[in-house]
Amino acid sequence: MEIWHNPRCSKSRAATAFLDEAGVDYGTRRYLEDPPSADEIRDVLERLGMDPWDITRTGDQAAKDLGVTEWPRTAEERERWITALAEHPVLIQRPIVIGDDGRAVVVRTDQALQSLL
């Protein structure tokens, strides 16, 4: 199991605390320091069953600076979104937990994380 973690994020800290309390063995990827490649983002999106705009923090200042909120959410623009996430990992919704079984979730609640355990 791996968590894409930002220690400054309360949701991310809560997810690691939950995993620790559950005694789960997991790896931590500080994705702001070790950004995922476009291929890794594509893989995670497939595991999540989501599109890139679904995991983009559109309210973030970087998103506003890039004009992301105005980008079309279409198959033709999918790669543009993925490239933006790879080049600006701060835009990636957090935390994302990737299970050993191939599933992944964006952990906004303990219940979402529990679904992987």
PDB file of N, CA and C in Angstrom:
ATOM      1  N   MET A   1       0.860  -1.165   0.000  1.00  0.00           N
ATOM      2  CA  MET A   1       0.000   0.000   0.000  1.00  0.00           C
ATOM      3  C   MET A   1       0.907   1.229   0.000  1.00  0.00           C
ATOM      4  N   GLU A   2       0.483   2.252  -0.721  1.00  0.00           N
ATOM      5  CA  GLU A   2       1.256   3.495  -0.788  1.00  0.00           C
ATOM      6  C   GLU A   2       0.305   4.681  -0.634  1.00  0.00           C
ATOM      7  N   ILE A   3       0.781   5.701   0.052  1.00  0.00           N
ATOM      8  CA  ILE A   3       0.006   6.937   0.183  1.00  0.00           C
ATOM      9  C   ILE A   3       0.796   8.071  -0.448  1.00  0.00           C
ATOM     10  N   TRP A   4       0.120   8.817  -1.320  1.00  0.00           N
ATOM     11  CA  TRP A   4       0.699  10.055  -1.839  1.00  0.00           C
ATOM     12  C   TRP A   4       0.369  11.100  -0.793  1.00  0.00           C
ATOM     13  N   HIS A   5       1.387  11.536  -0.097  1.00  0.00           N
ATOM     14  CA  HIS A   5       1.248  12.259   1.161  1.00  0.00           C
ATOM     15  C   HIS A   5       1.832  13.672   1.088  1.00  0.00           C
ATOM     16  N   ASN A   6       1.100  14.596   1.692  1.00  0.00           N
ATOM     17  CA  ASN A   6       1.590  15.952   1.926  1.00  0.00           C
ATOM     18  C   ASN A   6       1.452  16.180   3.426  1.00  0.00           C
ATOM     19  N   PRO A   7       2.569  16.188   4.163  1.00  0.00           N
ATOM     20  CA  PRO A   7       2.476  16.305   5.620  1.00  0.00           C
ATOM     21  C   PRO A   7       1.852  17.610   6.108  1.00  0.00           C
ATOM     22  N   ARG A   8       1.732  18.607   5.246  1.00  0.00           N
ATOM     23  CA  ARG A   8       1.104  19.868   5.647  1.00  0.00           C
ATOM     24  C   ARG A   8      -0.417  19.813   5.557  1.00  0.00           C
ATOM     25  N   CYS A   9      -0.945  18.752   4.948  1.00  0.00           N
ATOM     26  CA  CYS A   9      -2.387  18.615   4.733  1.00  0.00           C
ATOM     27  C   CYS A   9      -3.014  17.823   5.873  1.00  0.00           C
ATOM     28  N   SER A  10      -4.060  18.368   6.468  1.00  0.00           N
ATOM     29  CA  SER A  10      -4.708  17.690   7.596  1.00  0.00           C
ATOM     30  C   SER A  10      -5.341  16.369   7.173  1.00  0.00           C
ATOM     31  N   LYS A  11      -5.925  16.287   5.991  1.00  0.00           N
ATOM     32  CA  LYS A  11      -6.530  15.035   5.513  1.00  0.00           C
ATOM     33  C   LYS A  11      -5.454  13.968   5.316  1.00  0.00           C
ATOM     34  N   SER A  12      -4.313  14.404   4.834  1.00  0.00           N
ATOM     35  CA  SER A  12      -3.205  13.490   4.615  1.00  0.00           C
ATOM     36  C   SER A  12      -2.644  12.977   5.945  1.00  0.00           C
ATOM     37  N   ARG A  13      -2.491  13.865   6.888  1.00  0.00           N
ATOM     38  CA  ARG A  13      -2.025  13.462   8.221  1.00  0.00           C
ATOM     39  C   ARG A  13      -3.031  12.525   8.888  1.00  0.00           C
ATOM     40  N   ALA A  14      -4.312  12.806   8.715  1.00  0.00           N
ATOM     41  CA  ALA A  14      -5.350  11.941   9.291  1.00  0.00           C
ATOM     42  C   ALA A  14      -5.299  10.548   8.657  1.00  0.00           C
ATOM     43  N   ALA A  15      -5.050  10.479   7.361  1.00  0.00           N
ATOM     44  CA  ALA A  15      -4.979   9.183   6.682  1.00  0.00           C
ATOM     45  C   ALA A  15      -3.797   8.362   7.182  1.00  0.00           C
ATOM     46  N   THR A  16      -2.630   8.997   7.353  1.00  0.00           N
ATOM     47  CA  THR A  16      -1.482   8.248   7.857  1.00  0.00           C
ATOM     48  C   THR A  16      -1.726   7.804   9.301  1.00  0.00           C
ATOM     49  N   ALA A  17      -2.361   8.639  10.092  1.00  0.00           N
ATOM     50  CA  ALA A  17      -2.682   8.261  11.472  1.00  0.00           C
ATOM     51  C   ALA A  17      -3.634   7.063  11.481  1.00  0.00           C
ATOM     52  N   PHE A  18      -4.620   7.071  10.596  1.00  0.00           N
ATOM     53  CA  PHE A  18      -5.573   5.968  10.493  1.00  0.00           C
ATOM     54  C   PHE A  18      -4.846   4.678  10.137  1.00  0.00           C
ATOM     55  N   LEU A  19      -3.949   4.751   9.139  1.00  0.00           N
ATOM     56  CA  LEU A  19      -3.189   3.574   8.726  1.00  0.00           C
ATOM     57  C   LEU A  19      -2.287   3.076   9.853  1.00  0.00           C
ATOM     58  N   ASP A  20      -1.661   4.011  10.559  1.00  0.00           N
ATOM     59  CA  ASP A  20      -0.803   3.636  11.689  1.00  0.00           C
ATOM     60  C   ASP A  20      -1.613   2.929  12.771  1.00  0.00           C
ATOM     61  N   GLU A  21      -2.755   3.497  13.119  1.00  0.00           N
ATOM     62  CA  GLU A  21      -3.610   2.908  14.157  1.00  0.00           C
ATOM     63  C   GLU A  21      -4.124   1.530  13.757  1.00  0.00           C
ATOM     64  N   ALA A  22      -4.337   1.348  12.451  1.00  0.00           N
ATOM     65  CA  ALA A  22      -4.825   0.062  11.945  1.00  0.00           C
ATOM     66  C   ALA A  22      -3.694  -0.957  11.807  1.00  0.00           C
ATOM     67  N   GLY A  23      -2.445  -0.511  12.009  1.00  0.00           N
ATOM     68  CA  GLY A  23      -1.304  -1.409  11.901  1.00  0.00           C
ATOM     69  C   GLY A  23      -0.992  -1.826  10.480  1.00  0.00           C
ATOM     70  N   VAL A  24      -1.352  -0.984   9.520  1.00  0.00           N
ATOM     71  CA  VAL A  24      -1.151  -1.288   8.108  1.00  0.00           C
ATOM     72  C   VAL A  24       0.280  -0.942   7.704  1.00  0.00           C
ATOM     73  N   ASP A  25       0.880  -1.830   6.925  1.00  0.00           N
ATOM     74  CA  ASP A  25       2.200  -1.583   6.368  1.00  0.00           C
ATOM     75  C   ASP A  25       2.018  -0.798   5.070  1.00  0.00           C
ATOM     76  N   TYR A  26       2.627   0.363   4.991  1.00  0.00           N
ATOM     77  CA  TYR A  26       2.460   1.199   3.803  1.00  0.00           C
ATOM     78  C   TYR A  26       3.724   2.013   3.550  1.00  0.00           C
ATOM     79  N   GLY A  27       3.856   2.441   2.302  1.00  0.00           N
ATOM     80  CA  GLY A  27       4.939   3.334   1.927  1.00  0.00           C
ATOM     81  C   GLY A  27       4.387   4.732   1.759  1.00  0.00           C
ATOM     82  N   THR A  28       5.231   5.703   1.992  1.00  0.00           N
ATOM     83  CA  THR A  28       4.819   7.098   1.865  1.00  0.00           C
ATOM     84  C   THR A  28       5.574   7.745   0.707  1.00  0.00           C
ATOM     85  N   ARG A  29       4.820   8.386  -0.157  1.00  0.00           N
ATOM     86  CA  ARG A  29       5.428   9.147  -1.241  1.00  0.00           C
ATOM     87  C   ARG A  29       5.061  10.605  -1.031  1.00  0.00           C
ATOM     88  N   ARG A  30       6.045  11.401  -0.733  1.00  0.00           N
ATOM     89  CA  ARG A  30       5.816  12.837  -0.610  1.00  0.00           C
ATOM     90  C   ARG A  30       5.804  13.397  -2.037  1.00  0.00           C
ATOM     91  N   TYR A  31       4.625  13.394  -2.600  1.00  0.00           N
ATOM     92  CA  TYR A  31       4.488  13.652  -4.032  1.00  0.00           C
ATOM     93  C   TYR A  31       4.848  15.080  -4.447  1.00  0.00           C
ATOM     94  N   LEU A  32       4.924  16.010  -3.504  1.00  0.00           N
ATOM     95  CA  LEU A  32       5.376  17.358  -3.867  1.00  0.00           C
ATOM     96  C   LEU A  32       6.894  17.376  -4.066  1.00  0.00           C
ATOM     97  N   GLU A  33       7.591  16.529  -3.328  1.00  0.00           N
ATOM     98  CA  GLU A  33       9.048  16.421  -3.449  1.00  0.00           C
ATOM     99  C   GLU A  33       9.447  15.401  -4.505  1.00  0.00           C
ATOM    100  N   ASP A  34       8.610  14.404  -4.713  1.00  0.00           N
ATOM    101  CA  ASP A  34       8.845  13.324  -5.668  1.00  0.00           C
ATOM    102  C   ASP A  34       7.605  13.195  -6.546  1.00  0.00           C
ATOM    103  N   PRO A  35       7.435  14.150  -7.470  1.00  0.00           N
ATOM    104  CA  PRO A  35       6.195  14.196  -8.263  1.00  0.00           C
ATOM    105  C   PRO A  35       6.005  12.960  -9.138  1.00  0.00           C
ATOM    106  N   PRO A  36       4.767  12.513  -9.251  1.00  0.00           N
ATOM    107  CA  PRO A  36       4.487  11.395 -10.152  1.00  0.00           C
ATOM    108  C   PRO A  36       4.624  11.843 -11.608  1.00  0.00           C
ATOM    109  N   SER A  37       5.038  10.911 -12.441  1.00  0.00           N
ATOM    110  CA  SER A  37       5.127  11.187 -13.873  1.00  0.00           C
ATOM    111  C   SER A  37       3.721  11.166 -14.474  1.00  0.00           C
ATOM    112  N   ALA A  38       3.632  11.610 -15.698  1.00  0.00           N
ATOM    113  CA  ALA A  38       2.351  11.561 -16.408  1.00  0.00           C
ATOM    114  C   ALA A  38       1.855  10.116 -16.496  1.00  0.00           C
ATOM    115  N   ASP A  39       2.769   9.160 -16.731  1.00  0.00           N
ATOM    116  CA  ASP A  39       2.376   7.749 -16.795  1.00  0.00           C
ATOM    117  C   ASP A  39       1.846   7.266 -15.454  1.00  0.00           C
ATOM    118  N   GLU A  40       2.474   7.667 -14.358  1.00  0.00           N
ATOM    119  CA  GLU A  40       1.995   7.270 -13.033  1.00  0.00           C
ATOM    120  C   GLU A  40       0.627   7.874 -12.745  1.00  0.00           C
ATOM    121  N   ILE A  41       0.413   9.090 -13.184  1.00  0.00           N
ATOM    122  CA  ILE A  41      -0.902   9.729 -12.999  1.00  0.00           C
ATOM    123  C   ILE A  41      -1.954   8.985 -13.814  1.00  0.00           C
ATOM    124  N   ARG A  42      -1.621   8.615 -15.055  1.00  0.00           N
ATOM    125  CA  ARG A  42      -2.564   7.841 -15.865  1.00  0.00           C
ATOM    126  C   ARG A  42      -2.927   6.532 -15.165  1.00  0.00           C
ATOM    127  N   ASP A  43      -1.910   5.859 -14.613  1.00  0.00           N
ATOM    128  CA  ASP A  43      -2.137   4.596 -13.913  1.00  0.00           C
ATOM    129  C   ASP A  43      -3.054   4.791 -12.707  1.00  0.00           C
ATOM    130  N   VAL A  44      -2.784   5.812 -11.911  1.00  0.00           N
ATOM    131  CA  VAL A  44      -3.618   6.074 -10.728  1.00  0.00           C
ATOM    132  C   VAL A  44      -5.040   6.436 -11.141  1.00  0.00           C
ATOM    133  N   LEU A  45      -5.182   7.210 -12.190  1.00  0.00           N
ATOM    134  CA  LEU A  45      -6.524   7.565 -12.663  1.00  0.00           C
ATOM    135  C   LEU A  45      -7.300   6.316 -13.072  1.00  0.00           C
ATOM    136  N   GLU A  46      -6.623   5.386 -13.731  1.00  0.00           N
ATOM    137  CA  GLU A  46      -7.282   4.141 -14.114  1.00  0.00           C
ATOM    138  C   GLU A  46      -7.712   3.363 -12.871  1.00  0.00           C
ATOM    139  N   ARG A  47      -6.830   3.295 -11.877  1.00  0.00           N
ATOM    140  CA  ARG A  47      -7.144   2.582 -10.637  1.00  0.00           C
ATOM    141  C   ARG A  47      -8.306   3.256  -9.896  1.00  0.00           C
ATOM    142  N   LEU A  48      -8.330   4.580  -9.948  1.00  0.00           N
ATOM    143  CA  LEU A  48      -9.392   5.334  -9.291  1.00  0.00           C
ATOM    144  C   LEU A  48     -10.704   5.265 -10.060  1.00  0.00           C
ATOM    145  N   GLY A  49     -10.610   5.047 -11.376  1.00  0.00           N
ATOM    146  CA  GLY A  49     -11.801   5.111 -12.218  1.00  0.00           C
ATOM    147  C   GLY A  49     -12.269   6.553 -12.380  1.00  0.00           C
ATOM    148  N   MET A  50     -11.301   7.455 -12.446  1.00  0.00           N
ATOM    149  CA  MET A  50     -11.614   8.890 -12.523  1.00  0.00           C
ATOM    150  C   MET A  50     -10.890   9.541 -13.695  1.00  0.00           C
ATOM    151  N   ASP A  51     -11.310  10.755 -13.982  1.00  0.00           N
ATOM    152  CA  ASP A  51     -10.637  11.597 -14.960  1.00  0.00           C
ATOM    153  C   ASP A  51      -9.723  12.566 -14.231  1.00  0.00           C
ATOM    154  N   PRO A  52      -8.759  13.151 -14.922  1.00  0.00           N
ATOM    155  CA  PRO A  52      -7.803  14.026 -14.240  1.00  0.00           C
ATOM    156  C   PRO A  52      -8.440  15.237 -13.563  1.00  0.00           C
ATOM    157  N   TRP A  53      -9.506  15.762 -14.123  1.00  0.00           N
ATOM    158  CA  TRP A  53     -10.156  16.919 -13.501  1.00  0.00           C
ATOM    159  C   TRP A  53     -10.829  16.539 -12.193  1.00  0.00           C
ATOM    160  N   ASP A  54     -11.099  15.229 -12.013  1.00  0.00           N
ATOM    161  CA  ASP A  54     -11.714  14.764 -10.766  1.00  0.00           C
ATOM    162  C   ASP A  54     -10.743  14.804  -9.592  1.00  0.00           C
ATOM    163  N   ILE A  55      -9.436  14.777  -9.878  1.00  0.00           N
ATOM    164  CA  ILE A  55      -8.436  14.802  -8.796  1.00  0.00           C
ATOM    165  C   ILE A  55      -7.629  16.103  -8.807  1.00  0.00           C
ATOM    166  N   THR A  56      -8.141  17.108  -9.493  1.00  0.00           N
ATOM    167  CA  THR A  56      -7.447  18.391  -9.573  1.00  0.00           C
ATOM    168  C   THR A  56      -8.023  19.362  -8.553  1.00  0.00           C
ATOM    169  N   ARG A  57      -7.140  19.976  -7.803  1.00  0.00           N
ATOM    170  CA  ARG A  57      -7.533  20.990  -6.822  1.00  0.00           C
ATOM    171  C   ARG A  57      -7.751  22.309  -7.576  1.00  0.00           C
ATOM    172  N   THR A  58      -8.925  22.480  -8.124  1.00  0.00           N
ATOM    173  CA  THR A  58      -9.201  23.639  -8.977  1.00  0.00           C
ATOM    174  C   THR A  58      -9.266  24.953  -8.204  1.00  0.00           C
ATOM    175  N   GLY A  59      -9.434  24.886  -6.884  1.00  0.00           N
ATOM    176  CA  GLY A  59      -9.463  26.105  -6.084  1.00  0.00           C
ATOM    177  C   GLY A  59      -8.085  26.594  -5.684  1.00  0.00           C
ATOM    178  N   ASP A  60      -7.055  25.798  -5.960  1.00  0.00           N
ATOM    179  CA  ASP A  60      -5.686  26.157  -5.613  1.00  0.00           C
ATOM    180  C   ASP A  60      -5.206  27.331  -6.466  1.00  0.00           C
ATOM    181  N   GLN A  61      -4.351  28.151  -5.901  1.00  0.00           N
ATOM    182  CA  GLN A  61      -3.845  29.317  -6.629  1.00  0.00           C
ATOM    183  C   GLN A  61      -3.148  28.915  -7.929  1.00  0.00           C
ATOM    184  N   ALA A  62      -2.399  27.809  -7.898  1.00  0.00           N
ATOM    185  CA  ALA A  62      -1.722  27.346  -9.116  1.00  0.00           C
ATOM    186  C   ALA A  62      -2.731  27.028 -10.214  1.00  0.00           C
ATOM    187  N   ALA A  63      -3.879  26.475  -9.849  1.00  0.00           N
ATOM    188  CA  ALA A  63      -4.931  26.177 -10.828  1.00  0.00           C
ATOM    189  C   ALA A  63      -5.488  27.467 -11.419  1.00  0.00           C
ATOM    190  N   LYS A  64      -5.676  28.449 -10.561  1.00  0.00           N
ATOM    191  CA  LYS A  64      -6.168  29.744 -11.044  1.00  0.00           C
ATOM    192  C   LYS A  64      -5.156  30.393 -11.964  1.00  0.00           C
ATOM    193  N   ASP A  65      -3.870  30.301 -11.602  1.00  0.00           N
ATOM    194  CA  ASP A  65      -2.817  30.891 -12.432  1.00  0.00           C
ATOM    195  C   ASP A  65      -2.753  30.225 -13.806  1.00  0.00           C
ATOM    196  N   LEU A  66      -2.990  28.932 -13.850  1.00  0.00           N
ATOM    197  CA  LEU A  66      -2.962  28.197 -15.118  1.00  0.00           C
ATOM    198  C   LEU A  66      -4.267  28.336 -15.904  1.00  0.00           C
ATOM    199  N   GLY A  67      -5.313  28.784 -15.248  1.00  0.00           N
ATOM    200  CA  GLY A  67      -6.615  28.902 -15.903  1.00  0.00           C
ATOM    201  C   GLY A  67      -7.327  27.567 -16.031  1.00  0.00           C
ATOM    202  N   VAL A  68      -6.964  26.605 -15.196  1.00  0.00           N
ATOM    203  CA  VAL A  68      -7.502  25.252 -15.258  1.00  0.00           C
ATOM    204  C   VAL A  68      -9.028  25.221 -15.188  1.00  0.00           C
ATOM    205  N   THR A  69      -9.605  26.100 -14.402  1.00  0.00           N
ATOM    206  CA  THR A  69     -11.064  26.066 -14.242  1.00  0.00           C
ATOM    207  C   THR A  69     -11.793  26.335 -15.563  1.00  0.00           C
ATOM    208  N   GLU A  70     -11.104  26.920 -16.509  1.00  0.00           N
ATOM    209  CA  GLU A  70     -11.708  27.219 -17.814  1.00  0.00           C
ATOM    210  C   GLU A  70     -11.459  26.125 -18.847  1.00  0.00           C
ATOM    211  N   TRP A  71     -10.620  25.159 -18.516  1.00  0.00           N
ATOM    212  CA  TRP A  71     -10.292  24.110 -19.486  1.00  0.00           C
ATOM    213  C   TRP A  71     -11.471  23.170 -19.675  1.00  0.00           C
ATOM    214  N   PRO A  72     -11.697  22.747 -20.920  1.00  0.00           N
ATOM    215  CA  PRO A  72     -12.760  21.766 -21.172  1.00  0.00           C
ATOM    216  C   PRO A  72     -12.454  20.443 -20.478  1.00  0.00           C
ATOM    217  N   ARG A  73     -13.492  19.812 -20.021  1.00  0.00           N
ATOM    218  CA  ARG A  73     -13.364  18.498 -19.381  1.00  0.00           C
ATOM    219  C   ARG A  73     -13.833  17.453 -20.384  1.00  0.00           C
ATOM    220  N   THR A  74     -12.973  17.233 -21.374  1.00  0.00           N
ATOM    221  CA  THR A  74     -13.300  16.334 -22.476  1.00  0.00           C
ATOM    222  C   THR A  74     -12.146  15.364 -22.706  1.00  0.00           C
ATOM    223  N   ALA A  75     -12.437  14.287 -23.421  1.00  0.00           N
ATOM    224  CA  ALA A  75     -11.409  13.292 -23.747  1.00  0.00           C
ATOM    225  C   ALA A  75     -10.252  13.935 -24.515  1.00  0.00           C
ATOM    226  N   GLU A  76     -10.578  14.900 -25.353  1.00  0.00           N
ATOM    227  CA  GLU A  76      -9.542  15.558 -26.145  1.00  0.00           C
ATOM    228  C   GLU A  76      -8.581  16.376 -25.276  1.00  0.00           C
ATOM    229  N   GLU A  77      -9.041  16.850 -24.147  1.00  0.00           N
ATOM    230  CA  GLU A  77      -8.224  17.677 -23.247  1.00  0.00           C
ATOM    231  C   GLU A  77      -7.605  16.889 -22.087  1.00  0.00           C
ATOM    232  N   ARG A  78      -7.890  15.616 -22.033  1.00  0.00           N
ATOM    233  CA  ARG A  78      -7.422  14.772 -20.923  1.00  0.00           C
ATOM    234  C   ARG A  78      -5.910  14.862 -20.720  1.00  0.00           C
ATOM    235  N   GLU A  79      -5.143  14.762 -21.782  1.00  0.00           N
ATOM    236  CA  GLU A  79      -3.680  14.813 -21.669  1.00  0.00           C
ATOM    237  C   GLU A  79      -3.185  16.165 -21.168  1.00  0.00           C
ATOM    238  N   ARG A  80      -3.866  17.221 -21.540  1.00  0.00           N
ATOM    239  CA  ARG A  80      -3.505  18.559 -21.051  1.00  0.00           C
ATOM    240  C   ARG A  80      -3.613  18.598 -19.528  1.00  0.00           C
ATOM    241  N   TRP A  81      -4.683  18.022 -18.996  1.00  0.00           N
ATOM    242  CA  TRP A  81      -4.901  17.977 -17.557  1.00  0.00           C
ATOM    243  C   TRP A  81      -3.824  17.131 -16.881  1.00  0.00           C
ATOM    244  N   ILE A  82      -3.525  15.963 -17.468  1.00  0.00           N
ATOM    245  CA  ILE A  82      -2.514  15.070 -16.897  1.00  0.00           C
ATOM    246  C   ILE A  82      -1.157  15.746 -16.876  1.00  0.00           C
ATOM    247  N   THR A  83      -0.817  16.422 -17.943  1.00  0.00           N
ATOM    248  CA  THR A  83       0.455  17.146 -18.002  1.00  0.00           C
ATOM    249  C   THR A  83       0.512  18.212 -16.917  1.00  0.00           C
ATOM    250  N   ALA A  84      -0.567  18.925 -16.720  1.00  0.00           N
ATOM    251  CA  ALA A  84      -0.609  19.959 -15.673  1.00  0.00           C
ATOM    252  C   ALA A  84      -0.393  19.347 -14.294  1.00  0.00           C
ATOM    253  N   LEU A  85      -1.006  18.193 -14.032  1.00  0.00           N
ATOM    254  CA  LEU A  85      -0.835  17.530 -12.735  1.00  0.00           C
ATOM    255  C   LEU A  85       0.609  17.074 -12.543  1.00  0.00           C
ATOM    256  N   ALA A  86       1.220  16.564 -13.598  1.00  0.00           N
ATOM    257  CA  ALA A  86       2.606  16.116 -13.509  1.00  0.00           C
ATOM    258  C   ALA A  86       3.561  17.285 -13.301  1.00  0.00           C
ATOM    259  N   GLU A  87       3.286  18.395 -13.958  1.00  0.00           N
ATOM    260  CA  GLU A  87       4.166  19.565 -13.853  1.00  0.00           C
ATOM    261  C   GLU A  87       3.891  20.402 -12.613  1.00  0.00           C
ATOM    262  N   HIS A  88       2.698  20.293 -12.059  1.00  0.00           N
ATOM    263  CA  HIS A  88       2.294  21.067 -10.877  1.00  0.00           C
ATOM    264  C   HIS A  88       1.624  20.120  -9.879  1.00  0.00           C
ATOM    265  N   PRO A  89       2.396  19.263  -9.217  1.00  0.00           N
ATOM    266  CA  PRO A  89       1.788  18.254  -8.339  1.00  0.00           C
ATOM    267  C   PRO A  89       0.971  18.837  -7.189  1.00  0.00           C
ATOM    268  N   VAL A  90       1.165  20.111  -6.881  1.00  0.00           N
ATOM    269  CA  VAL A  90       0.349  20.749  -5.847  1.00  0.00           C
ATOM    270  C   VAL A  90      -1.137  20.709  -6.226  1.00  0.00           C
ATOM    271  N   LEU A  91      -1.429  20.516  -7.501  1.00  0.00           N
ATOM    272  CA  LEU A  91      -2.810  20.463  -7.970  1.00  0.00           C
ATOM    273  C   LEU A  91      -3.486  19.123  -7.697  1.00  0.00           C
ATOM    274  N   ILE A  92      -2.709  18.107  -7.322  1.00  0.00           N
ATOM    275  CA  ILE A  92      -3.272  16.779  -7.106  1.00  0.00           C
ATOM    276  C   ILE A  92      -4.017  16.729  -5.773  1.00  0.00           C
ATOM    277  N   GLN A  93      -5.255  16.298  -5.847  1.00  0.00           N
ATOM    278  CA  GLN A  93      -6.076  16.113  -4.649  1.00  0.00           C
ATOM    279  C   GLN A  93      -5.376  15.120  -3.722  1.00  0.00           C
ATOM    280  N   ARG A  94      -5.459  15.344  -2.439  1.00  0.00           N
ATOM    281  CA  ARG A  94      -4.747  14.498  -1.494  1.00  0.00           C
ATOM    282  C   ARG A  94      -5.610  14.114  -0.319  1.00  0.00           C
ATOM    283  N   PRO A  95      -5.172  13.053   0.291  1.00  0.00           N
ATOM    284  CA  PRO A  95      -4.173  12.084  -0.168  1.00  0.00           C
ATOM    285  C   PRO A  95      -4.805  11.044  -1.090  1.00  0.00           C
ATOM    286  N   ILE A  96      -3.956  10.418  -1.874  1.00  0.00           N
ATOM    287  CA  ILE A  96      -4.375   9.277  -2.685  1.00  0.00           C
ATOM    288  C   ILE A  96      -3.680   8.061  -2.084  1.00  0.00           C
ATOM    289  N   VAL A  97      -4.456   7.019  -1.838  1.00  0.00           N
ATOM    290  CA  VAL A  97      -3.910   5.776  -1.311  1.00  0.00           C
ATOM    291  C   VAL A  97      -4.116   4.695  -2.352  1.00  0.00           C
ATOM    292  N   ILE A  98      -3.032   3.972  -2.636  1.00  0.00           N
ATOM    293  CA  ILE A  98      -3.038   2.924  -3.642  1.00  0.00           C
ATOM    294  C   ILE A  98      -2.881   1.593  -2.915  1.00  0.00           C
ATOM    295  N   GLY A  99      -3.871   0.758  -3.057  1.00  0.00           N
ATOM    296  CA  GLY A  99      -3.865  -0.531  -2.375  1.00  0.00           C
ATOM    297  C   GLY A  99      -3.030  -1.561  -3.106  1.00  0.00           C
ATOM    298  N   ASP A 100      -2.613  -2.580  -2.382  1.00  0.00           N
ATOM    299  CA  ASP A 100      -1.835  -3.672  -2.962  1.00  0.00           C
ATOM    300  C   ASP A 100      -2.633  -4.453  -3.995  1.00  0.00           C
ATOM    301  N   ASP A 101      -3.950  -4.380  -3.910  1.00  0.00           N
ATOM    302  CA  ASP A 101      -4.808  -5.123  -4.838  1.00  0.00           C
ATOM    303  C   ASP A 101      -5.079  -4.371  -6.135  1.00  0.00           C
ATOM    304  N   GLY A 102      -4.453  -3.191  -6.289  1.00  0.00           N
ATOM    305  CA  GLY A 102      -4.619  -2.433  -7.526  1.00  0.00           C
ATOM    306  C   GLY A 102      -5.642  -1.323  -7.450  1.00  0.00           C
ATOM    307  N   ARG A 103      -6.469  -1.331  -6.405  1.00  0.00           N
ATOM    308  CA  ARG A 103      -7.451  -0.256  -6.260  1.00  0.00           C
ATOM    309  C   ARG A 103      -6.782   0.969  -5.662  1.00  0.00           C
ATOM    310  N   ALA A 104      -7.419   2.106  -5.838  1.00  0.00           N
ATOM    311  CA  ALA A 104      -6.937   3.352  -5.248  1.00  0.00           C
ATOM    312  C   ALA A 104      -8.146   4.187  -4.846  1.00  0.00           C
ATOM    313  N   VAL A 105      -7.932   5.065  -3.866  1.00  0.00           N
ATOM    314  CA  VAL A 105      -8.979   5.991  -3.444  1.00  0.00           C
ATOM    315  C   VAL A 105      -8.362   7.340  -3.115  1.00  0.00           C
ATOM    316  N   VAL A 106      -9.147   8.381  -3.355  1.00  0.00           N
ATOM    317  CA  VAL A 106      -8.819   9.701  -2.838  1.00  0.00           C
ATOM    318  C   VAL A 106      -9.456   9.732  -1.459  1.00  0.00           C
ATOM    319  N   VAL A 107      -8.636   9.906  -0.443  1.00  0.00           N
ATOM    320  CA  VAL A 107      -9.111   9.765   0.935  1.00  0.00           C
ATOM    321  C   VAL A 107      -9.587  11.110   1.471  1.00  0.00           C
ATOM    322  N   ARG A 108     -10.872  11.318   1.397  1.00  0.00           N
ATOM    323  CA  ARG A 108     -11.478  12.502   1.982  1.00  0.00           C
ATOM    324  C   ARG A 108     -12.167  12.143   3.297  1.00  0.00           C
ATOM    325  N   THR A 109     -12.387  10.828   3.508  1.00  0.00           N
ATOM    326  CA  THR A 109     -13.036  10.358   4.729  1.00  0.00           C
ATOM    327  C   THR A 109     -12.364   9.055   5.176  1.00  0.00           C
ATOM    328  N   ASP A 110     -12.515   8.718   6.449  1.00  0.00           N
ATOM    329  CA  ASP A 110     -12.015   7.440   6.957  1.00  0.00           C
ATOM    330  C   ASP A 110     -12.695   6.275   6.238  1.00  0.00           C
ATOM    331  N   GLN A 111     -13.956   6.449   5.857  1.00  0.00           N
ATOM    332  CA  GLN A 111     -14.689   5.385   5.195  1.00  0.00           C
ATOM    333  C   GLN A 111     -14.058   5.048   3.834  1.00  0.00           C
ATOM    334  N   ALA A 112     -13.589   6.076   3.136  1.00  0.00           N
ATOM    335  CA  ALA A 112     -12.936   5.833   1.837  1.00  0.00           C
ATOM    336  C   ALA A 112     -11.675   4.996   2.042  1.00  0.00           C
ATOM    337  N   LEU A 113     -10.921   5.318   3.062  1.00  0.00           N
ATOM    338  CA  LEU A 113      -9.707   4.568   3.354  1.00  0.00           C
ATOM    339  C   LEU A 113     -10.045   3.156   3.825  1.00  0.00           C
ATOM    340  N   GLN A 114     -11.057   3.040   4.648  1.00  0.00           N
ATOM    341  CA  GLN A 114     -11.486   1.740   5.159  1.00  0.00           C
ATOM    342  C   GLN A 114     -11.853   0.802   3.995  1.00  0.00           C
ATOM    343  N   SER A 115     -12.352   1.367   2.904  1.00  0.00           N
ATOM    344  CA  SER A 115     -12.765   0.535   1.773  1.00  0.00           C
ATOM    345  C   SER A 115     -11.591  -0.211   1.147  1.00  0.00           C
ATOM    346  N   LEU A 116     -10.365   0.255   1.352  1.00  0.00           N
ATOM    347  CA  LEU A 116      -9.191  -0.434   0.828  1.00  0.00           C
ATOM    348  C   LEU A 116      -8.656  -1.504   1.772  1.00  0.00           C
ATOM    349  N   LEU A 117      -9.031  -1.426   3.041  1.00  0.00           N
ATOM    350  CA  LEU A 117      -8.459  -2.355   4.015  1.00  0.00           C
ATOM    351  C   LEU A 117      -9.207  -3.670   4.088  1.00  0.00           C
TER     352      LEU A 117
END
